[in-house]
Amino acid sequence: MAHTLNPYLSFRGTAREAMEFYASVLGGELVLTTFAEGGVPVGGDEDAWVMHGQLTLGNGMVLMGSDTPSSMPFEGAKGFAVALTGDDADDLLGWYRALAATGHEDVPLAEAPWGDWFGQCEDRWGTPWMVNATPSRTTP
């Protein structure tokens, strides 16, 4: 049996906006299911919130996310980062720039001591991202 390990992001009423943005940056196919559509009514406007979102990229990567109803505790992103790594520097550096443009950079994109391009940012939804790109060209 095959196994996968996928990031699953939590939001409070902004999962649709965030997941649609990630799809616009990363590409892939996005499927969103609301609490009402999933048969789990949580009440009021929150029935239209995302119960499950899944962004499947052509290379097999999957990013998931959902809204946390107000009846449940929510602390946001803590103690982790979504890491995007590989040797397609054009894609990775473009993704990094788009993600960083919505929030702020913690470690500006630069050539790292190990020879790759590395940057760390947090997007406007508070999701931390790390990008490490093996150089496939001379400048980022």
Protein backbone atom coordinates (compact mmCIF):
# COMPACT_ATOMS: atom_id res chain seq x y z
CA MET A 1 0.00 0.00 0.00
CA ALA A 2 1.32 3.44 -0.94
CA HIS A 3 1.43 6.27 1.57
CA THR A 4 1.63 10.04 1.26
CA LEU A 5 2.38 12.86 3.65
CA ASN A 6 0.56 16.08 2.79
CA PRO A 7 0.43 19.51 4.41
CA TYR A 8 -3.08 20.26 5.71
CA LEU A 9 -3.57 23.94 6.47
CA SER A 10 -6.16 25.38 8.84
CA PHE A 11 -7.93 28.69 8.39
CA ARG A 12 -10.76 30.62 10.04
CA GLY A 13 -13.14 31.60 7.27
CA THR A 14 -10.44 32.28 4.66
CA ALA A 15 -9.69 28.79 3.31
CA ARG A 16 -11.45 29.42 -0.02
CA GLU A 17 -9.50 32.63 -0.66
CA ALA A 18 -6.19 31.05 0.39
CA MET A 19 -6.64 27.79 -1.53
CA GLU A 20 -7.74 29.65 -4.68
CA PHE A 21 -4.64 31.83 -4.37
CA TYR A 22 -2.38 28.78 -3.94
CA ALA A 23 -3.97 27.25 -7.06
CA SER A 24 -3.29 30.47 -9.00
CA VAL A 25 0.38 30.36 -7.91
CA LEU A 26 1.12 26.63 -8.01
CA GLY A 27 -1.32 25.51 -10.70
CA GLY A 28 -3.07 22.18 -10.42
CA GLU A 29 -6.64 21.14 -9.81
CA LEU A 30 -8.50 22.57 -6.82
CA VAL A 31 -11.53 20.87 -5.30
CA LEU A 32 -13.40 22.60 -2.47
CA THR A 33 -16.23 21.15 -0.41
CA THR A 34 -18.22 23.33 1.98
CA PHE A 35 -19.56 22.14 5.32
CA ALA A 36 -23.10 22.24 3.87
CA GLU A 37 -22.07 20.21 0.81
CA GLY A 38 -20.30 17.71 3.06
CA GLY A 39 -23.42 17.19 5.14
CA VAL A 40 -21.86 18.78 8.22
CA PRO A 41 -23.83 21.98 8.85
CA VAL A 42 -22.09 24.18 11.38
CA GLY A 43 -24.60 27.02 11.29
CA GLY A 44 -25.10 30.39 9.66
CA ASP A 45 -22.55 31.76 7.21
CA GLU A 46 -20.06 29.10 8.30
CA ASP A 47 -22.03 26.45 6.37
CA ALA A 48 -20.42 27.97 3.24
CA TRP A 49 -16.92 27.70 4.69
CA VAL A 50 -14.53 25.06 3.34
CA MET A 51 -14.81 21.71 5.12
CA HIS A 52 -12.12 20.22 2.87
CA GLY A 53 -9.98 21.69 0.12
CA GLN A 54 -7.50 19.76 -1.98
CA LEU A 55 -5.08 21.17 -4.51
CA THR A 56 -3.49 18.43 -6.63
CA LEU A 57 -0.56 19.49 -8.77
CA GLY A 58 0.47 17.73 -11.96
CA ASN A 59 3.68 16.47 -10.35
CA GLY A 60 1.78 14.57 -7.64
CA MET A 61 2.15 17.14 -4.86
CA VAL A 62 -1.01 17.71 -2.83
CA LEU A 63 -1.85 20.64 -0.56
CA MET A 64 -4.95 20.43 1.60
CA GLY A 65 -6.75 22.92 3.79
CA SER A 66 -10.00 23.75 5.53
CA ASP A 67 -11.75 26.28 7.71
CA THR A 68 -12.06 25.75 11.44
CA PRO A 69 -15.60 26.59 12.62
CA SER A 70 -15.91 29.19 15.38
CA SER A 71 -17.21 26.45 17.70
CA MET A 72 -13.71 24.90 17.67
CA PRO A 73 -10.42 26.32 18.98
CA PHE A 74 -8.13 27.87 16.38
CA GLU A 75 -4.54 29.03 16.81
CA GLY A 76 -3.37 29.38 13.21
CA ALA A 77 -0.05 28.18 11.85
CA LYS A 78 2.51 27.41 14.55
CA GLY A 79 5.76 25.48 14.58
CA PHE A 80 5.98 24.36 10.95
CA ALA A 81 6.60 25.55 7.39
CA VAL A 82 5.47 24.22 4.05
CA ALA A 83 8.69 23.40 2.19
CA LEU A 84 8.90 23.52 -1.59
CA THR A 85 12.13 22.00 -2.88
CA GLY A 86 13.58 20.76 -6.13
CA ASP A 87 15.68 21.48 -9.16
CA ASP A 88 13.24 23.51 -11.27
CA ALA A 89 14.51 26.87 -10.05
CA ASP A 90 12.29 28.85 -12.44
CA ASP A 91 9.10 27.38 -10.96
CA LEU A 92 10.29 27.40 -7.36
CA LEU A 93 11.63 30.96 -7.38
CA GLY A 94 8.46 32.18 -9.11
CA TRP A 95 6.31 30.47 -6.50
CA TYR A 96 8.39 31.97 -3.72
CA ARG A 97 8.08 35.49 -5.11
CA ALA A 98 4.29 35.17 -5.48
CA LEU A 99 3.87 33.80 -1.95
CA ALA A 100 6.18 36.40 -0.39
CA ALA A 101 4.44 39.24 -2.24
CA THR A 102 1.24 38.59 -0.26
CA GLY A 103 2.88 38.67 3.17
CA HIS A 104 6.44 39.17 4.32
CA GLU A 105 9.88 37.63 3.95
CA ASP A 106 11.56 36.16 7.02
CA VAL A 107 14.69 35.04 5.13
CA PRO A 108 15.01 36.92 1.83
CA LEU A 109 15.59 34.80 -1.23
CA ALA A 110 19.34 34.49 -1.82
CA GLU A 111 22.05 32.04 -2.71
CA ALA A 112 22.61 29.89 0.40
CA PRO A 113 25.97 28.66 1.70
CA TRP A 114 25.12 25.17 0.38
CA GLY A 115 24.81 26.56 -3.18
CA ASP A 116 21.03 26.46 -3.63
CA TRP A 117 18.64 29.41 -3.69
CA PHE A 118 16.75 29.61 -0.40
CA GLY A 119 14.08 31.86 1.04
CA GLN A 120 11.52 31.78 3.83
CA CYS A 121 8.33 33.85 3.93
CA GLU A 122 4.89 33.98 5.47
CA ASP A 123 1.88 34.64 3.26
CA ARG A 124 -1.05 36.90 4.16
CA TRP A 125 -2.91 34.00 5.80
CA GLY A 126 -0.03 33.31 8.18
CA THR A 127 1.21 30.18 6.42
CA PRO A 128 5.01 29.89 6.59
CA TRP A 129 6.78 28.76 3.40
CA MET A 130 10.37 27.68 2.76
CA VAL A 131 11.72 27.34 -0.76
CA ASN A 132 14.99 25.64 -1.66
CA ALA A 133 15.87 25.53 -5.35
CA THR A 134 18.87 23.76 -6.80
CA PRO A 135 20.19 26.23 -9.36
CA SER A 136 19.26 25.52 -12.94
CA ARG A 137 20.41 28.99 -14.03
CA THR A 138 22.90 31.59 -12.85
CA THR A 139 20.55 34.27 -11.46
CA PRO A 140 17.23 33.98 -9.63
